[in-house]
PDB file of N, CA and C in Angstrom:
ATOM      1  N   MET A   1     -11.501  -2.679  -7.119  1.00  0.00           N
ATOM      2  CA  MET A   1     -11.520  -1.635  -6.964  1.00  0.00           C
ATOM      3  C   MET A   1     -13.020  -0.547  -7.177  1.00  0.00           C
ATOM      4  N   PRO A   2     -13.315   0.327  -6.805  1.00  0.00           N
ATOM      5  CA  PRO A   2     -14.429   1.181  -7.379  1.00  0.00           C
ATOM      6  C   PRO A   2     -14.638   1.334  -8.742  1.00  0.00           C
ATOM      7  N   ASP A   3     -15.613   1.146  -9.334  1.00  0.00           N
ATOM      8  CA  ASP A   3     -15.860   0.981 -10.723  1.00  0.00           C
ATOM      9  C   ASP A   3     -14.562   0.854 -11.632  1.00  0.00           C
ATOM     10  N   GLY A   4     -13.802  -0.345 -11.245  1.00  0.00           N
ATOM     11  CA  GLY A   4     -13.096  -1.154 -11.971  1.00  0.00           C
ATOM     12  C   GLY A   4     -12.076  -0.105 -12.618  1.00  0.00           C
ATOM     13  N   GLY A   5     -12.060   1.236 -11.867  1.00  0.00           N
ATOM     14  CA  GLY A   5     -10.295   2.082 -12.311  1.00  0.00           C
ATOM     15  C   GLY A   5      -9.284   1.672 -11.872  1.00  0.00           C
ATOM     16  N   SER A   6      -8.394   2.813 -11.957  1.00  0.00           N
ATOM     17  CA  SER A   6      -7.094   2.115 -11.208  1.00  0.00           C
ATOM     18  C   SER A   6      -7.103   3.300 -10.461  1.00  0.00           C
ATOM     19  N   LEU A   7      -5.615   2.792  -9.452  1.00  0.00           N
ATOM     20  CA  LEU A   7      -5.316   3.870  -8.441  1.00  0.00           C
ATOM     21  C   LEU A   7      -4.343   5.052  -9.248  1.00  0.00           C
ATOM     22  N   THR A   8      -4.686   6.359  -8.173  1.00  0.00           N
ATOM     23  CA  THR A   8      -3.956   7.472  -8.505  1.00  0.00           C
ATOM     24  C   THR A   8      -3.541   7.959  -7.445  1.00  0.00           C
ATOM     25  N   GLN A   9      -2.833   9.283  -7.774  1.00  0.00           N
ATOM     26  CA  GLN A   9      -2.345  10.373  -6.357  1.00  0.00           C
ATOM     27  C   GLN A   9      -3.491  10.024  -5.616  1.00  0.00           C
ATOM     28  N   ALA A  10      -4.843  10.701  -5.675  1.00  0.00           N
ATOM     29  CA  ALA A  10      -5.819  11.023  -4.825  1.00  0.00           C
ATOM     30  C   ALA A  10      -6.404   9.948  -4.522  1.00  0.00           C
ATOM     31  N   THR A  11      -6.080   8.648  -4.774  1.00  0.00           N
ATOM     32  CA  THR A  11      -7.171   7.243  -4.226  1.00  0.00           C
ATOM     33  C   THR A  11      -6.252   7.517  -2.820  1.00  0.00           C
ATOM     34  N   SER A  12      -7.368   7.376  -1.922  1.00  0.00           N
ATOM     35  CA  SER A  12      -7.316   6.578  -0.385  1.00  0.00           C
ATOM     36  C   SER A  12      -6.684   5.189  -0.065  1.00  0.00           C
ATOM     37  N   ILE A  13      -5.882   4.876   0.493  1.00  0.00           N
ATOM     38  CA  ILE A  13      -6.031   3.352   0.840  1.00  0.00           C
ATOM     39  C   ILE A  13      -5.987   3.054   2.191  1.00  0.00           C
ATOM     40  N   VAL A  14      -5.956   2.267   2.758  1.00  0.00           N
ATOM     41  CA  VAL A  14      -5.489   1.320   3.914  1.00  0.00           C
ATOM     42  C   VAL A  14      -5.008  -0.030   3.814  1.00  0.00           C
ATOM     43  N   ARG A  15      -3.986  -0.412   4.628  1.00  0.00           N
ATOM     44  CA  ARG A  15      -3.661  -1.759   4.623  1.00  0.00           C
ATOM     45  C   ARG A  15      -4.508  -2.629   5.192  1.00  0.00           C
ATOM     46  N   ARG A  16      -4.802  -3.904   5.173  1.00  0.00           N
ATOM     47  CA  ARG A  16      -5.571  -4.879   6.070  1.00  0.00           C
ATOM     48  C   ARG A  16      -5.100  -4.724   7.307  1.00  0.00           C
ATOM     49  N   ALA A  17      -6.021  -4.741   8.492  1.00  0.00           N
ATOM     50  CA  ALA A  17      -5.533  -4.988   9.624  1.00  0.00           C
ATOM     51  C   ALA A  17      -5.168  -6.248  10.147  1.00  0.00           C
ATOM     52  N   GLU A  18      -5.964  -6.777   9.421  1.00  0.00           N
ATOM     53  CA  GLU A  18      -6.151  -8.364   9.924  1.00  0.00           C
ATOM     54  C   GLU A  18      -4.888  -9.563   9.157  1.00  0.00           C
ATOM     55  N   ILE A  19      -3.878  -8.581   8.704  1.00  0.00           N
ATOM     56  CA  ILE A  19      -2.905  -8.947   8.393  1.00  0.00           C
ATOM     57  C   ILE A  19      -1.298  -9.241   9.072  1.00  0.00           C
ATOM     58  N   ILE A  20      -1.172 -10.362   9.234  1.00  0.00           N
ATOM     59  CA  ILE A  20       0.204 -10.716  10.381  1.00  0.00           C
ATOM     60  C   ILE A  20       1.189  -9.952   9.458  1.00  0.00           C
ATOM     61  N   GLU A  21       1.935  -9.501  10.180  1.00  0.00           N
ATOM     62  CA  GLU A  21       3.137  -9.045   9.979  1.00  0.00           C
ATOM     63  C   GLU A  21       4.425  -9.459  10.982  1.00  0.00           C
ATOM     64  N   THR A  22       6.090  -9.241  10.055  1.00  0.00           N
ATOM     65  CA  THR A  22       6.880  -9.216  10.785  1.00  0.00           C
ATOM     66  C   THR A  22       7.836  -8.284  10.158  1.00  0.00           C
ATOM     67  N   GLU A  23       8.927  -8.069  11.137  1.00  0.00           N
ATOM     68  CA  GLU A  23      10.049  -7.393  10.236  1.00  0.00           C
ATOM     69  C   GLU A  23      11.416  -8.188  10.070  1.00  0.00           C
ATOM     70  N   ILE A  24      12.127  -8.851   9.382  1.00  0.00           N
ATOM     71  CA  ILE A  24      13.211  -8.920   9.541  1.00  0.00           C
ATOM     72  C   ILE A  24      14.442  -8.683   8.278  1.00  0.00           C
ATOM     73  N   ASP A  25      15.616  -7.796   9.302  1.00  0.00           N
ATOM     74  CA  ASP A  25      16.454  -7.229   8.636  1.00  0.00           C
ATOM     75  C   ASP A  25      15.519  -5.985   7.657  1.00  0.00           C
ATOM     76  N   GLY A  26      14.862  -5.106   8.533  1.00  0.00           N
ATOM     77  CA  GLY A  26      14.464  -4.010   7.844  1.00  0.00           C
ATOM     78  C   GLY A  26      13.611  -4.403   6.806  1.00  0.00           C
ATOM     79  N   GLU A  27      13.246  -5.650   6.318  1.00  0.00           N
ATOM     80  CA  GLU A  27      11.925  -5.815   5.396  1.00  0.00           C
ATOM     81  C   GLU A  27      10.700  -6.419   5.954  1.00  0.00           C
ATOM     82  N   ILE A  28       9.782  -6.239   5.359  1.00  0.00           N
ATOM     83  CA  ILE A  28       8.470  -6.878   5.631  1.00  0.00           C
ATOM     84  C   ILE A  28       8.033  -8.029   5.477  1.00  0.00           C
ATOM     85  N   ILE A  29       7.847  -9.049   6.322  1.00  0.00           N
ATOM     86  CA  ILE A  29       6.961 -10.209   5.541  1.00  0.00           C
ATOM     87  C   ILE A  29       5.554 -10.551   6.259  1.00  0.00           C
ATOM     88  N   ALA A  30       5.027 -10.236   5.333  1.00  0.00           N
ATOM     89  CA  ALA A  30       3.194 -10.211   5.656  1.00  0.00           C
ATOM     90  C   ALA A  30       2.708 -11.580   5.684  1.00  0.00           C
ATOM     91  N   LEU A  31       1.747 -12.090   6.318  1.00  0.00           N
ATOM     92  CA  LEU A  31       1.190 -13.346   5.894  1.00  0.00           C
ATOM     93  C   LEU A  31      -0.719 -12.894   6.160  1.00  0.00           C
ATOM     94  N   ASP A  32      -1.257 -13.550   4.911  1.00  0.00           N
ATOM     95  CA  ASP A  32      -2.471 -13.323   5.116  1.00  0.00           C
ATOM     96  C   ASP A  32      -3.071 -14.576   5.575  1.00  0.00           C
ATOM     97  N   VAL A  33      -3.191 -14.288   6.575  1.00  0.00           N
ATOM     98  CA  VAL A  33      -4.124 -15.826   7.432  1.00  0.00           C
ATOM     99  C   VAL A  33      -5.515 -16.293   6.595  1.00  0.00           C
ATOM    100  N   LYS A  34      -6.267 -15.800   5.761  1.00  0.00           N
ATOM    101  CA  LYS A  34      -7.338 -15.984   5.443  1.00  0.00           C
ATOM    102  C   LYS A  34      -6.911 -16.951   4.137  1.00  0.00           C
ATOM    103  N   ASN A  35      -5.773 -16.676   3.163  1.00  0.00           N
ATOM    104  CA  ASN A  35      -5.917 -17.393   1.852  1.00  0.00           C
ATOM    105  C   ASN A  35      -4.398 -18.290   2.186  1.00  0.00           C
ATOM    106  N   GLY A  36      -3.823 -17.919   3.471  1.00  0.00           N
ATOM    107  CA  GLY A  36      -2.563 -18.846   3.400  1.00  0.00           C
ATOM    108  C   GLY A  36      -1.375 -18.092   2.805  1.00  0.00           C
ATOM    109  N   ASN A  37      -1.236 -17.361   1.972  1.00  0.00           N
ATOM    110  CA  ASN A  37       0.011 -16.525   1.354  1.00  0.00           C
ATOM    111  C   ASN A  37       0.994 -15.668   2.260  1.00  0.00           C
ATOM    112  N   CYS A  38       1.942 -15.866   1.910  1.00  0.00           N
ATOM    113  CA  CYS A  38       3.005 -15.055   2.336  1.00  0.00           C
ATOM    114  C   CYS A  38       3.884 -13.986   1.490  1.00  0.00           C
ATOM    115  N   TYR A  39       4.069 -12.745   2.073  1.00  0.00           N
ATOM    116  CA  TYR A  39       4.326 -11.717   1.216  1.00  0.00           C
ATOM    117  C   TYR A  39       5.762 -11.366   1.823  1.00  0.00           C
ATOM    118  N   GLY A  40       6.993 -10.953   0.785  1.00  0.00           N
ATOM    119  CA  GLY A  40       7.653 -10.642   1.380  1.00  0.00           C
ATOM    120  C   GLY A  40       8.088  -9.033   0.628  1.00  0.00           C
ATOM    121  N   LEU A  41       8.441  -8.021   1.290  1.00  0.00           N
ATOM    122  CA  LEU A  41       8.726  -6.901   0.873  1.00  0.00           C
ATOM    123  C   LEU A  41      10.004  -6.502   1.010  1.00  0.00           C
ATOM    124  N   ASN A  42      10.605  -5.511  -0.199  1.00  0.00           N
ATOM    125  CA  ASN A  42      11.842  -5.319   0.098  1.00  0.00           C
ATOM    126  C   ASN A  42      11.847  -4.160   1.223  1.00  0.00           C
ATOM    127  N   LYS A  43      13.167  -3.013   0.964  1.00  0.00           N
ATOM    128  CA  LYS A  43      13.069  -2.065   2.049  1.00  0.00           C
ATOM    129  C   LYS A  43      12.348  -0.874   1.860  1.00  0.00           C
ATOM    130  N   VAL A  44      11.861  -0.545   0.343  1.00  0.00           N
ATOM    131  CA  VAL A  44      11.041   0.607  -0.132  1.00  0.00           C
ATOM    132  C   VAL A  44       9.557  -0.085   0.173  1.00  0.00           C
ATOM    133  N   GLY A  45       9.458  -0.780  -0.328  1.00  0.00           N
ATOM    134  CA  GLY A  45       8.210  -1.957  -0.454  1.00  0.00           C
ATOM    135  C   GLY A  45       7.891  -1.819   1.050  1.00  0.00           C
ATOM    136  N   SER A  46       8.681  -1.945   1.892  1.00  0.00           N
ATOM    137  CA  SER A  46       8.322  -2.419   3.636  1.00  0.00           C
ATOM    138  C   SER A  46       8.185  -0.707   4.208  1.00  0.00           C
ATOM    139  N   ARG A  47       8.511  -0.139   3.760  1.00  0.00           N
ATOM    140  CA  ARG A  47       8.373   1.521   3.990  1.00  0.00           C
ATOM    141  C   ARG A  47       6.749   1.892   3.664  1.00  0.00           C
ATOM    142  N   ILE A  48       6.464   1.783   2.439  1.00  0.00           N
ATOM    143  CA  ILE A  48       5.212   1.819   2.042  1.00  0.00           C
ATOM    144  C   ILE A  48       4.391   1.212   2.895  1.00  0.00           C
ATOM    145  N   TRP A  49       4.845  -0.155   2.599  1.00  0.00           N
ATOM    146  CA  TRP A  49       3.331  -0.957   3.675  1.00  0.00           C
ATOM    147  C   TRP A  49       3.184   0.182   5.323  1.00  0.00           C
ATOM    148  N   GLN A  50       4.570   0.406   5.945  1.00  0.00           N
ATOM    149  CA  GLN A  50       4.311   1.110   7.234  1.00  0.00           C
ATOM    150  C   GLN A  50       3.829   2.303   6.714  1.00  0.00           C
ATOM    151  N   LEU A  51       3.541   3.333   6.202  1.00  0.00           N
ATOM    152  CA  LEU A  51       3.029   4.085   5.556  1.00  0.00           C
ATOM    153  C   LEU A  51       1.639   3.871   5.428  1.00  0.00           C
ATOM    154  N   ALA A  52       1.215   2.960   5.172  1.00  0.00           N
ATOM    155  CA  ALA A  52      -0.298   2.386   4.499  1.00  0.00           C
ATOM    156  C   ALA A  52      -1.123   2.208   5.994  1.00  0.00           C
ATOM    157  N   ILE A  53      -0.124   2.168   6.968  1.00  0.00           N
ATOM    158  CA  ILE A  53      -1.139   1.579   8.199  1.00  0.00           C
ATOM    159  C   ILE A  53      -2.282   2.322   8.609  1.00  0.00           C
ATOM    160  N   ALA A  54      -2.289   3.997   8.172  1.00  0.00           N
ATOM    161  CA  ALA A  54      -2.994   4.732   8.811  1.00  0.00           C
ATOM    162  C   ALA A  54      -3.953   5.346   7.438  1.00  0.00           C
ATOM    163  N   PRO A  55      -5.090   5.432   6.796  1.00  0.00           N
ATOM    164  CA  PRO A  55      -5.814   5.270   5.889  1.00  0.00           C
ATOM    165  C   PRO A  55      -5.492   6.986   5.324  1.00  0.00           C
ATOM    166  N   GLY A  56      -5.302   7.038   4.112  1.00  0.00           N
ATOM    167  CA  GLY A  56      -4.534   8.381   3.571  1.00  0.00           C
ATOM    168  C   GLY A  56      -4.633   8.282   1.832  1.00  0.00           C
ATOM    169  N   PRO A  57      -4.434   9.594   1.308  1.00  0.00           N
ATOM    170  CA  PRO A  57      -4.170   9.231  -0.040  1.00  0.00           C
ATOM    171  C   PRO A  57      -2.815   8.731  -0.372  1.00  0.00           C
ATOM    172  N   VAL A  58      -2.500   8.455  -1.869  1.00  0.00           N
ATOM    173  CA  VAL A  58      -1.491   7.896  -2.206  1.00  0.00           C
ATOM    174  C   VAL A  58      -0.163   8.843  -2.394  1.00  0.00           C
ATOM    175  N   SER A  59      -0.671  10.115  -2.640  1.00  0.00           N
ATOM    176  CA  SER A  59      -0.369  11.183  -2.827  1.00  0.00           C
ATOM    177  C   SER A  59       0.932  11.605  -1.091  1.00  0.00           C
ATOM    178  N   ALA A  60       0.199  11.284  -0.321  1.00  0.00           N
ATOM    179  CA  ALA A  60       0.787  11.368   0.938  1.00  0.00           C
ATOM    180  C   ALA A  60       1.952  10.430   1.091  1.00  0.00           C
ATOM    181  N   ILE A  61       1.880   9.210   0.462  1.00  0.00           N
ATOM    182  CA  ILE A  61       2.987   8.343   0.800  1.00  0.00           C
ATOM    183  C   ILE A  61       4.147   8.380  -0.107  1.00  0.00           C
ATOM    184  N   CYS A  62       3.564   8.930  -1.216  1.00  0.00           N
ATOM    185  CA  CYS A  62       4.206   9.332  -2.540  1.00  0.00           C
ATOM    186  C   CYS A  62       5.891  10.462  -1.569  1.00  0.00           C
ATOM    187  N   GLN A  63       4.746  11.254  -1.182  1.00  0.00           N
ATOM    188  CA  GLN A  63       5.596  12.483  -0.587  1.00  0.00           C
ATOM    189  C   GLN A  63       6.602  12.296   0.486  1.00  0.00           C
ATOM    190  N   THR A  64       6.102  11.553   0.998  1.00  0.00           N
ATOM    191  CA  THR A  64       7.288  10.840   2.262  1.00  0.00           C
ATOM    192  C   THR A  64       8.097  10.245   1.746  1.00  0.00           C
ATOM    193  N   LEU A  65       7.920   9.437   0.615  1.00  0.00           N
ATOM    194  CA  LEU A  65       8.845   8.654   0.177  1.00  0.00           C
ATOM    195  C   LEU A  65      10.271   9.723  -0.709  1.00  0.00           C
ATOM    196  N   GLN A  66       9.474  10.887  -1.240  1.00  0.00           N
ATOM    197  CA  GLN A  66      10.059  11.771  -1.812  1.00  0.00           C
ATOM    198  C   GLN A  66      11.152  12.612  -0.863  1.00  0.00           C
ATOM    199  N   ASN A  67      10.618  12.902   0.525  1.00  0.00           N
ATOM    200  CA  ASN A  67      11.348  13.154   1.382  1.00  0.00           C
ATOM    201  C   ASN A  67      12.552  12.764   2.023  1.00  0.00           C
ATOM    202  N   GLU A  68      11.944  10.773   1.967  1.00  0.00           N
ATOM    203  CA  GLU A  68      12.962  10.170   2.565  1.00  0.00           C
ATOM    204  C   GLU A  68      13.984   9.501   1.623  1.00  0.00           C
ATOM    205  N   TYR A  69      13.663  10.064   0.259  1.00  0.00           N
ATOM    206  CA  TYR A  69      14.543   8.856  -0.824  1.00  0.00           C
ATOM    207  C   TYR A  69      15.073  10.233  -1.909  1.00  0.00           C
ATOM    208  N   ASP A  70      16.100  10.012  -2.380  1.00  0.00           N
ATOM    209  CA  ASP A  70      16.526  10.899  -3.349  1.00  0.00           C
ATOM    210  C   ASP A  70      16.123  10.382  -4.703  1.00  0.00           C
ATOM    211  N   VAL A  71      14.439  10.519  -5.053  1.00  0.00           N
ATOM    212  CA  VAL A  71      13.865   9.778  -6.373  1.00  0.00           C
ATOM    213  C   VAL A  71      13.074  10.789  -6.721  1.00  0.00           C
ATOM    214  N   PRO A  72      12.978  11.139  -8.370  1.00  0.00           N
ATOM    215  CA  PRO A  72      12.139  11.843  -9.095  1.00  0.00           C
ATOM    216  C   PRO A  72      10.615  11.663  -8.796  1.00  0.00           C
ATOM    217  N   GLU A  73       9.884  12.436  -8.645  1.00  0.00           N
ATOM    218  CA  GLU A  73       8.323  12.442  -8.770  1.00  0.00           C
ATOM    219  C   GLU A  73       7.820  11.385  -9.617  1.00  0.00           C
ATOM    220  N   PRO A  74       8.540  11.090 -10.628  1.00  0.00           N
ATOM    221  CA  PRO A  74       7.603  10.247 -11.845  1.00  0.00           C
ATOM    222  C   PRO A  74       7.743   9.045 -11.516  1.00  0.00           C
ATOM    223  N   VAL A  75       9.137   8.522 -11.024  1.00  0.00           N
ATOM    224  CA  VAL A  75       9.538   7.072 -10.964  1.00  0.00           C
ATOM    225  C   VAL A  75       8.713   6.679  -9.539  1.00  0.00           C
ATOM    226  N   CYS A  76       8.914   7.823  -8.251  1.00  0.00           N
ATOM    227  CA  CYS A  76       8.316   7.544  -7.222  1.00  0.00           C
ATOM    228  C   CYS A  76       6.570   6.961  -7.402  1.00  0.00           C
ATOM    229  N   GLU A  77       6.117   8.019  -8.133  1.00  0.00           N
ATOM    230  CA  GLU A  77       4.983   7.803  -8.226  1.00  0.00           C
ATOM    231  C   GLU A  77       4.398   6.368  -8.870  1.00  0.00           C
ATOM    232  N   ARG A  78       5.149   6.109 -10.370  1.00  0.00           N
ATOM    233  CA  ARG A  78       5.060   4.702 -10.858  1.00  0.00           C
ATOM    234  C   ARG A  78       5.193   3.481  -9.617  1.00  0.00           C
ATOM    235  N   THR A  79       6.314   3.778  -9.031  1.00  0.00           N
ATOM    236  CA  THR A  79       6.451   2.665  -8.133  1.00  0.00           C
ATOM    237  C   THR A  79       5.641   2.407  -7.226  1.00  0.00           C
ATOM    238  N   VAL A  80       5.228   3.564  -6.347  1.00  0.00           N
ATOM    239  CA  VAL A  80       4.107   3.345  -5.533  1.00  0.00           C
ATOM    240  C   VAL A  80       2.805   3.056  -6.105  1.00  0.00           C
ATOM    241  N   LEU A  81       2.320   3.356  -7.077  1.00  0.00           N
ATOM    242  CA  LEU A  81       1.072   2.954  -7.707  1.00  0.00           C
ATOM    243  C   LEU A  81       1.357   1.473  -8.357  1.00  0.00           C
ATOM    244  N   ALA A  82       2.461   1.067  -8.661  1.00  0.00           N
ATOM    245  CA  ALA A  82       2.326  -0.539  -8.971  1.00  0.00           C
ATOM    246  C   ALA A  82       2.400  -1.304  -7.878  1.00  0.00           C
ATOM    247  N   LEU A  83       3.005  -1.028  -6.797  1.00  0.00           N
ATOM    248  CA  LEU A  83       2.987  -1.534  -5.642  1.00  0.00           C
ATOM    249  C   LEU A  83       1.666  -1.695  -4.929  1.00  0.00           C
ATOM    250  N   LEU A  84       1.179  -0.532  -4.844  1.00  0.00           N
ATOM    251  CA  LEU A  84      -0.130  -0.613  -4.388  1.00  0.00           C
ATOM    252  C   LEU A  84      -1.063  -1.390  -5.014  1.00  0.00           C
ATOM    253  N   GLU A  85      -1.174  -1.770  -6.492  1.00  0.00           N
ATOM    254  CA  GLU A  85      -1.961  -1.779  -6.969  1.00  0.00           C
ATOM    255  C   GLU A  85      -1.833  -3.501  -7.005  1.00  0.00           C
ATOM    256  N   ALA A  86      -0.443  -3.914  -6.826  1.00  0.00           N
ATOM    257  CA  ALA A  86      -0.607  -5.440  -6.969  1.00  0.00           C
ATOM    258  C   ALA A  86      -0.923  -5.681  -5.009  1.00  0.00           C
ATOM    259  N   LEU A  87      -0.323  -4.906  -4.181  1.00  0.00           N
ATOM    260  CA  LEU A  87      -1.221  -5.279  -2.698  1.00  0.00           C
ATOM    261  C   LEU A  87      -2.721  -5.247  -2.882  1.00  0.00           C
ATOM    262  N   HIS A  88      -3.368  -4.144  -3.636  1.00  0.00           N
ATOM    263  CA  HIS A  88      -4.668  -3.878  -3.495  1.00  0.00           C
ATOM    264  C   HIS A  88      -5.061  -5.544  -4.373  1.00  0.00           C
ATOM    265  N   LYS A  89      -4.500  -5.862  -5.314  1.00  0.00           N
ATOM    266  CA  LYS A  89      -4.968  -7.256  -6.154  1.00  0.00           C
ATOM    267  C   LYS A  89      -5.180  -8.446  -5.177  1.00  0.00           C
ATOM    268  N   GLU A  90      -4.052  -8.494  -4.205  1.00  0.00           N
ATOM    269  CA  GLU A  90      -3.355  -9.667  -3.363  1.00  0.00           C
ATOM    270  C   GLU A  90      -4.589  -9.179  -2.257  1.00  0.00           C
ATOM    271  N   GLY A  91      -5.422  -8.275  -2.197  1.00  0.00           N
ATOM    272  CA  GLY A  91      -6.154  -8.063  -0.963  1.00  0.00           C
ATOM    273  C   GLY A  91      -5.787  -7.721   0.459  1.00  0.00           C
ATOM    274  N   LEU A  92      -4.437  -7.013   0.307  1.00  0.00           N
ATOM    275  CA  LEU A  92      -3.500  -6.880   1.322  1.00  0.00           C
ATOM    276  C   LEU A  92      -4.101  -5.270   2.065  1.00  0.00           C
ATOM    277  N   ILE A  93      -4.280  -4.805   1.178  1.00  0.00           N
ATOM    278  CA  ILE A  93      -4.729  -3.235   1.131  1.00  0.00           C
ATOM    279  C   ILE A  93      -6.475  -2.656   0.761  1.00  0.00           C
ATOM    280  N   ASP A  94      -6.766  -2.120   1.399  1.00  0.00           N
ATOM    281  CA  ASP A  94      -8.261  -1.845   0.799  1.00  0.00           C
ATOM    282  C   ASP A  94      -8.227  -0.242   0.199  1.00  0.00           C
ATOM    283  N   ILE A  95      -9.313  -0.059  -1.128  1.00  0.00           N
ATOM    284  CA  ILE A  95      -9.156   1.436  -1.298  1.00  0.00           C
ATOM    285  C   ILE A  95     -10.447   2.103  -0.678  1.00  0.00           C
ATOM    286  N   LEU A  96     -10.238   3.281  -0.434  1.00  0.00           N
ATOM    287  CA  LEU A  96     -11.474   3.834   0.569  1.00  0.00           C
ATOM    288  C   LEU A  96     -12.309   4.800  -0.568  1.00  0.00           C
ATOM    289  N   ASN A  97     -13.225   4.744  -0.334  1.00  0.00           N
ATOM    290  CA  ASN A  97     -14.439   5.841  -1.400  1.00  0.00           C
ATOM    291  C   ASN A  97     -14.117   6.765  -0.434  1.00  0.00           C
ATOM    292  N   PRO A  98     -14.609   7.579  -1.198  1.00  0.00           N
ATOM    293  CA  PRO A  98     -14.579   9.311  -0.533  1.00  0.00           C
ATOM    294  C   PRO A  98     -15.123   9.549   0.958  1.00  0.00           C
ATOM    295  N   GLY A  99     -15.787   8.839   1.184  1.00  0.00           N
ATOM    296  CA  GLY A  99     -16.616   9.085   2.527  1.00  0.00           C
ATOM    297  C   GLY A  99     -15.813   8.164   3.756  1.00  0.00           C
ATOM    298  N   GLY A 100     -14.403   7.571   3.060  1.00  0.00           N
ATOM    299  CA  GLY A 100     -13.739   6.904   3.922  1.00  0.00           C
ATOM    300  C   GLY A 100     -13.972   5.615   4.091  1.00  0.00           C
ATOM    301  N   VAL A 101     -14.885   4.994   3.338  1.00  0.00           N
ATOM    302  CA  VAL A 101     -15.541   3.423   3.728  1.00  0.00           C
ATOM    303  C   VAL A 101     -14.702   2.671   2.510  1.00  0.00           C
ATOM    304  N   SER A 102     -14.185   1.379   3.087  1.00  0.00           N
ATOM    305  CA  SER A 102     -13.600   0.514   2.400  1.00  0.00           C
ATOM    306  C   SER A 102     -14.435   0.059   1.144  1.00  0.00           C
ATOM    307  N   ASP A 103     -13.647  -0.341   0.205  1.00  0.00           N
ATOM    308  CA  ASP A 103     -14.286  -0.873  -0.697  1.00  0.00           C
ATOM    309  C   ASP A 103     -14.853  -2.440  -0.624  1.00  0.00           C
ATOM    310  N   LYS A 104     -14.230  -3.240   0.439  1.00  0.00           N
ATOM    311  CA  LYS A 104     -14.737  -4.386   0.442  1.00  0.00           C
ATOM    312  C   LYS A 104     -16.063  -4.277   1.469  1.00  0.00           C
ATOM    313  N   VAL A 105     -16.666  -3.182   1.638  1.00  0.00           N
ATOM    314  CA  VAL A 105     -18.015  -3.093   2.803  1.00  0.00           C
ATOM    315  C   VAL A 105     -19.349  -3.485   1.533  1.00  0.00           C
TER     316      VAL A 105
END
């Protein structure tokens, strides 16, 4: 991540386009062909993955989830940030710099 910081509500992210995915029973299975790893996301994780298709701030993902699920804001924020940190660590999403440029550039 830029400057070694962690994700926040203001951080903009986007999932990597080269990740292959399929949906089975409402859950996403994602394959990173580059490293050969396969990832399974539960229903909420799958929804976060769907929302990350377009570049945008973490806060927008949290707001959408709060509108769709009955979840308190702090719980939603912790859950979303934890999953996005894990997805970034695995190389499945990119962190966008303020100019909208990926941290992978």
